[in-house]
């Protein structure tokens, strides 16, 4: 089963290709996507990487808190967005 990884605090210049290359050293990268603002097309400073089952844990532990493109990135397993059912 593939793992979905959240990558935060990305530089504004980071591209999908940059993310793919960064994670490629840890295992098979299925997809890498920098989230962009729908109105102006600029990066929102975070993205998601989907990796095969092997290597994703190593990527998270090795890359979390490291400097990439001049910023200290946050890397962790992506959590599904849920609904807050509190009233």
N, C-alpha and C. Protein backbone atom coordinates (compact mmCIF):
# COMPACT_ATOMS: atom_id res chain seq x y z
N UNK A 1 0.85 -1.18 0.00
CA UNK A 1 0.00 0.00 0.00
C UNK A 1 0.89 1.25 0.00
N UNK A 2 0.57 2.18 -0.86
CA UNK A 2 1.36 3.41 -0.96
C UNK A 2 1.13 4.31 0.25
N UNK A 3 2.15 5.12 0.55
CA UNK A 3 2.06 6.08 1.65
C UNK A 3 1.99 7.49 1.08
N UNK A 4 1.16 8.30 1.71
CA UNK A 4 1.03 9.70 1.32
C UNK A 4 1.75 10.55 2.37
N UNK A 5 2.62 11.42 1.90
CA UNK A 5 3.48 12.21 2.79
C UNK A 5 3.21 13.69 2.57
N UNK A 6 3.03 14.41 3.69
CA UNK A 6 2.87 15.86 3.66
C UNK A 6 4.25 16.50 3.78
N UNK A 7 4.51 17.52 2.98
CA UNK A 7 5.77 18.26 3.04
C UNK A 7 5.42 19.74 3.17
N UNK A 8 5.77 20.34 4.31
CA UNK A 8 5.41 21.72 4.56
C UNK A 8 6.62 22.64 4.65
N UNK A 9 6.34 23.92 4.61
CA UNK A 9 7.34 25.00 4.67
C UNK A 9 8.29 24.95 3.47
N UNK A 10 7.73 24.64 2.31
CA UNK A 10 8.52 24.62 1.08
C UNK A 10 8.81 26.04 0.60
N UNK A 11 9.92 26.20 -0.10
CA UNK A 11 10.21 27.50 -0.69
C UNK A 11 9.18 27.76 -1.79
N UNK A 12 8.97 29.02 -2.08
CA UNK A 12 7.98 29.40 -3.10
C UNK A 12 8.40 28.93 -4.48
N UNK A 13 9.68 28.66 -4.68
CA UNK A 13 10.19 28.25 -5.98
C UNK A 13 10.17 26.74 -6.19
N UNK A 14 9.87 25.97 -5.17
CA UNK A 14 9.90 24.51 -5.25
C UNK A 14 8.87 24.01 -6.28
N UNK A 15 9.30 23.06 -7.10
CA UNK A 15 8.43 22.50 -8.14
C UNK A 15 8.11 21.03 -7.85
N UNK A 16 7.18 20.49 -8.62
CA UNK A 16 6.86 19.06 -8.50
C UNK A 16 8.10 18.22 -8.76
N UNK A 17 8.87 18.60 -9.75
CA UNK A 17 10.10 17.88 -10.09
C UNK A 17 11.10 17.91 -8.92
N UNK A 18 11.23 19.08 -8.27
CA UNK A 18 12.14 19.20 -7.11
C UNK A 18 11.74 18.20 -6.02
N UNK A 19 10.44 18.14 -5.72
CA UNK A 19 9.97 17.20 -4.69
C UNK A 19 10.25 15.76 -5.10
N UNK A 20 10.00 15.45 -6.34
CA UNK A 20 10.25 14.09 -6.83
C UNK A 20 11.71 13.71 -6.64
N UNK A 21 12.61 14.58 -7.03
CA UNK A 21 14.05 14.31 -6.90
C UNK A 21 14.46 14.18 -5.44
N UNK A 22 13.91 15.03 -4.58
CA UNK A 22 14.25 15.00 -3.15
C UNK A 22 13.90 13.64 -2.53
N UNK A 23 12.75 13.08 -2.88
CA UNK A 23 12.30 11.83 -2.27
C UNK A 23 12.77 10.58 -3.01
N UNK A 24 13.22 10.73 -4.23
CA UNK A 24 13.62 9.60 -5.06
C UNK A 24 14.72 8.76 -4.42
N UNK A 25 15.60 9.38 -3.66
CA UNK A 25 16.70 8.66 -3.02
C UNK A 25 16.24 7.68 -1.95
N UNK A 26 14.98 7.77 -1.53
CA UNK A 26 14.48 6.92 -0.44
C UNK A 26 13.58 5.79 -0.93
N UNK A 27 13.21 5.80 -2.19
CA UNK A 27 12.36 4.74 -2.72
C UNK A 27 11.56 5.23 -3.92
N UNK A 28 10.68 4.37 -4.38
CA UNK A 28 9.88 4.68 -5.56
C UNK A 28 8.87 5.79 -5.28
N UNK A 29 8.95 6.85 -6.05
CA UNK A 29 8.01 7.97 -5.92
C UNK A 29 6.92 7.79 -6.97
N UNK A 30 5.69 7.65 -6.51
CA UNK A 30 4.54 7.48 -7.40
C UNK A 30 4.12 8.84 -7.95
N UNK A 31 4.06 9.84 -7.07
CA UNK A 31 3.71 11.20 -7.49
C UNK A 31 4.27 12.20 -6.49
N UNK A 32 4.48 13.41 -6.98
CA UNK A 32 4.93 14.52 -6.13
C UNK A 32 4.24 15.77 -6.63
N UNK A 33 3.57 16.49 -5.72
CA UNK A 33 2.73 17.61 -6.14
C UNK A 33 2.86 18.77 -5.16
N UNK A 34 3.28 19.93 -5.66
CA UNK A 34 3.30 21.16 -4.88
C UNK A 34 1.93 21.81 -5.06
N UNK A 35 1.26 22.13 -3.96
CA UNK A 35 -0.07 22.74 -4.02
C UNK A 35 0.06 24.20 -4.41
N UNK A 36 -0.76 24.61 -5.38
CA UNK A 36 -0.72 25.98 -5.87
C UNK A 36 -2.05 26.69 -5.64
N UNK A 37 -1.98 27.99 -5.48
CA UNK A 37 -3.17 28.81 -5.33
C UNK A 37 -3.96 28.78 -6.63
N UNK A 38 -5.25 28.53 -6.54
CA UNK A 38 -6.06 28.41 -7.76
C UNK A 38 -6.26 29.74 -8.47
N UNK A 39 -6.13 30.83 -7.75
CA UNK A 39 -6.35 32.14 -8.37
C UNK A 39 -5.12 32.67 -9.10
N UNK A 40 -3.94 32.54 -8.48
CA UNK A 40 -2.75 33.15 -9.09
C UNK A 40 -1.69 32.14 -9.53
N UNK A 41 -1.87 30.86 -9.20
CA UNK A 41 -0.94 29.84 -9.63
C UNK A 41 0.36 29.77 -8.85
N UNK A 42 0.50 30.57 -7.79
CA UNK A 42 1.71 30.55 -6.98
C UNK A 42 1.65 29.42 -5.96
N UNK A 43 2.82 28.93 -5.59
CA UNK A 43 2.91 27.87 -4.59
C UNK A 43 2.29 28.33 -3.27
N UNK A 44 1.65 27.41 -2.58
CA UNK A 44 1.10 27.70 -1.25
C UNK A 44 2.06 27.28 -0.15
N UNK A 45 3.26 26.77 -0.53
CA UNK A 45 4.29 26.44 0.45
C UNK A 45 4.22 25.05 1.03
N UNK A 46 3.39 24.19 0.45
CA UNK A 46 3.34 22.81 0.90
C UNK A 46 2.99 21.90 -0.27
N UNK A 47 3.20 20.61 -0.05
CA UNK A 47 2.89 19.66 -1.10
C UNK A 47 2.73 18.26 -0.55
N UNK A 48 2.52 17.32 -1.45
CA UNK A 48 2.30 15.93 -1.08
C UNK A 48 3.12 15.02 -1.99
N UNK A 49 3.65 13.97 -1.39
CA UNK A 49 4.40 12.96 -2.13
C UNK A 49 3.76 11.62 -1.84
N UNK A 50 3.56 10.83 -2.89
CA UNK A 50 3.06 9.47 -2.72
C UNK A 50 4.21 8.53 -3.06
N UNK A 51 4.52 7.64 -2.11
CA UNK A 51 5.63 6.70 -2.29
C UNK A 51 5.13 5.27 -2.11
N UNK A 52 5.90 4.36 -2.69
CA UNK A 52 5.63 2.95 -2.46
C UNK A 52 5.83 2.62 -0.98
N UNK A 53 5.47 1.42 -0.56
CA UNK A 53 5.51 1.08 0.86
C UNK A 53 6.91 1.06 1.47
N UNK A 54 7.93 0.83 0.66
CA UNK A 54 9.28 0.81 1.21
C UNK A 54 9.93 2.18 1.01
N UNK A 55 10.60 2.62 2.02
CA UNK A 55 11.34 3.88 1.94
C UNK A 55 10.62 5.09 2.48
N UNK A 56 9.31 5.04 2.59
CA UNK A 56 8.58 6.22 3.04
C UNK A 56 8.91 6.59 4.49
N UNK A 57 9.05 5.60 5.35
CA UNK A 57 9.39 5.88 6.75
C UNK A 57 10.79 6.48 6.86
N UNK A 58 11.73 5.95 6.06
CA UNK A 58 13.08 6.50 6.05
C UNK A 58 13.08 7.94 5.54
N UNK A 59 12.29 8.19 4.51
CA UNK A 59 12.22 9.55 3.96
C UNK A 59 11.69 10.52 5.00
N UNK A 60 10.64 10.14 5.71
CA UNK A 60 10.06 11.01 6.73
C UNK A 60 11.06 11.30 7.83
N UNK A 61 11.67 10.26 8.38
CA UNK A 61 12.59 10.46 9.50
C UNK A 61 13.86 11.19 9.07
N UNK A 62 14.32 10.96 7.84
CA UNK A 62 15.55 11.61 7.38
C UNK A 62 15.35 13.05 6.96
N UNK A 63 14.21 13.37 6.37
CA UNK A 63 14.01 14.71 5.80
C UNK A 63 13.31 15.70 6.72
N UNK A 64 12.54 15.22 7.70
CA UNK A 64 11.83 16.14 8.59
C UNK A 64 12.82 17.03 9.35
N UNK A 65 12.62 18.34 9.23
CA UNK A 65 13.47 19.29 9.94
C UNK A 65 14.74 19.67 9.21
N UNK A 66 14.99 19.07 8.05
CA UNK A 66 16.19 19.41 7.30
C UNK A 66 15.97 20.67 6.47
N UNK A 67 17.07 21.28 6.06
CA UNK A 67 16.98 22.48 5.23
C UNK A 67 16.95 22.06 3.77
N UNK A 68 15.97 22.61 3.05
CA UNK A 68 15.84 22.36 1.63
C UNK A 68 15.47 23.66 0.94
N UNK A 69 16.27 24.06 -0.01
CA UNK A 69 16.08 25.31 -0.75
C UNK A 69 15.94 26.51 0.21
N UNK A 70 16.75 26.49 1.26
CA UNK A 70 16.80 27.62 2.18
C UNK A 70 15.74 27.63 3.28
N UNK A 71 14.97 26.56 3.41
CA UNK A 71 13.93 26.50 4.44
C UNK A 71 13.98 25.17 5.19
N UNK A 72 13.61 25.20 6.44
CA UNK A 72 13.53 23.99 7.25
C UNK A 72 12.17 23.33 6.97
N UNK A 73 12.18 22.21 6.27
CA UNK A 73 10.92 21.59 5.85
C UNK A 73 10.35 20.68 6.93
N UNK A 74 9.03 20.53 6.89
CA UNK A 74 8.33 19.63 7.79
C UNK A 74 7.82 18.46 6.95
N UNK A 75 8.14 17.27 7.37
CA UNK A 75 7.77 16.08 6.61
C UNK A 75 7.13 15.08 7.56
N UNK A 76 5.90 14.68 7.25
CA UNK A 76 5.24 13.65 8.05
C UNK A 76 4.19 12.92 7.22
N UNK A 77 3.70 11.83 7.77
CA UNK A 77 2.68 11.07 7.06
C UNK A 77 1.42 11.93 6.96
N UNK A 78 0.87 11.98 5.78
CA UNK A 78 -0.32 12.78 5.55
C UNK A 78 -1.50 12.19 6.30
N UNK A 79 -2.28 13.05 6.91
CA UNK A 79 -3.47 12.62 7.63
C UNK A 79 -4.70 12.96 6.79
N UNK A 80 -5.65 12.04 6.70
CA UNK A 80 -6.85 12.34 5.92
C UNK A 80 -7.62 13.49 6.55
N UNK A 81 -8.15 14.33 5.70
CA UNK A 81 -8.94 15.45 6.20
C UNK A 81 -10.29 14.91 6.62
N UNK A 82 -10.68 15.25 7.84
CA UNK A 82 -11.97 14.79 8.34
C UNK A 82 -12.88 15.96 8.62
N UNK A 83 -14.08 15.64 8.96
CA UNK A 83 -15.03 16.67 9.31
C UNK A 83 -15.10 16.80 10.80
N UNK A 84 -15.20 18.03 11.27
CA UNK A 84 -15.35 18.28 12.70
C UNK A 84 -16.84 18.23 13.00
N UNK A 85 -17.24 17.21 13.72
CA UNK A 85 -18.67 17.01 13.98
C UNK A 85 -19.13 17.67 15.26
N UNK A 86 -18.25 18.46 15.89
CA UNK A 86 -18.69 19.16 17.10
C UNK A 86 -19.64 20.27 16.74
N UNK A 87 -20.64 20.50 17.57
CA UNK A 87 -21.64 21.56 17.31
C UNK A 87 -21.41 22.71 18.24
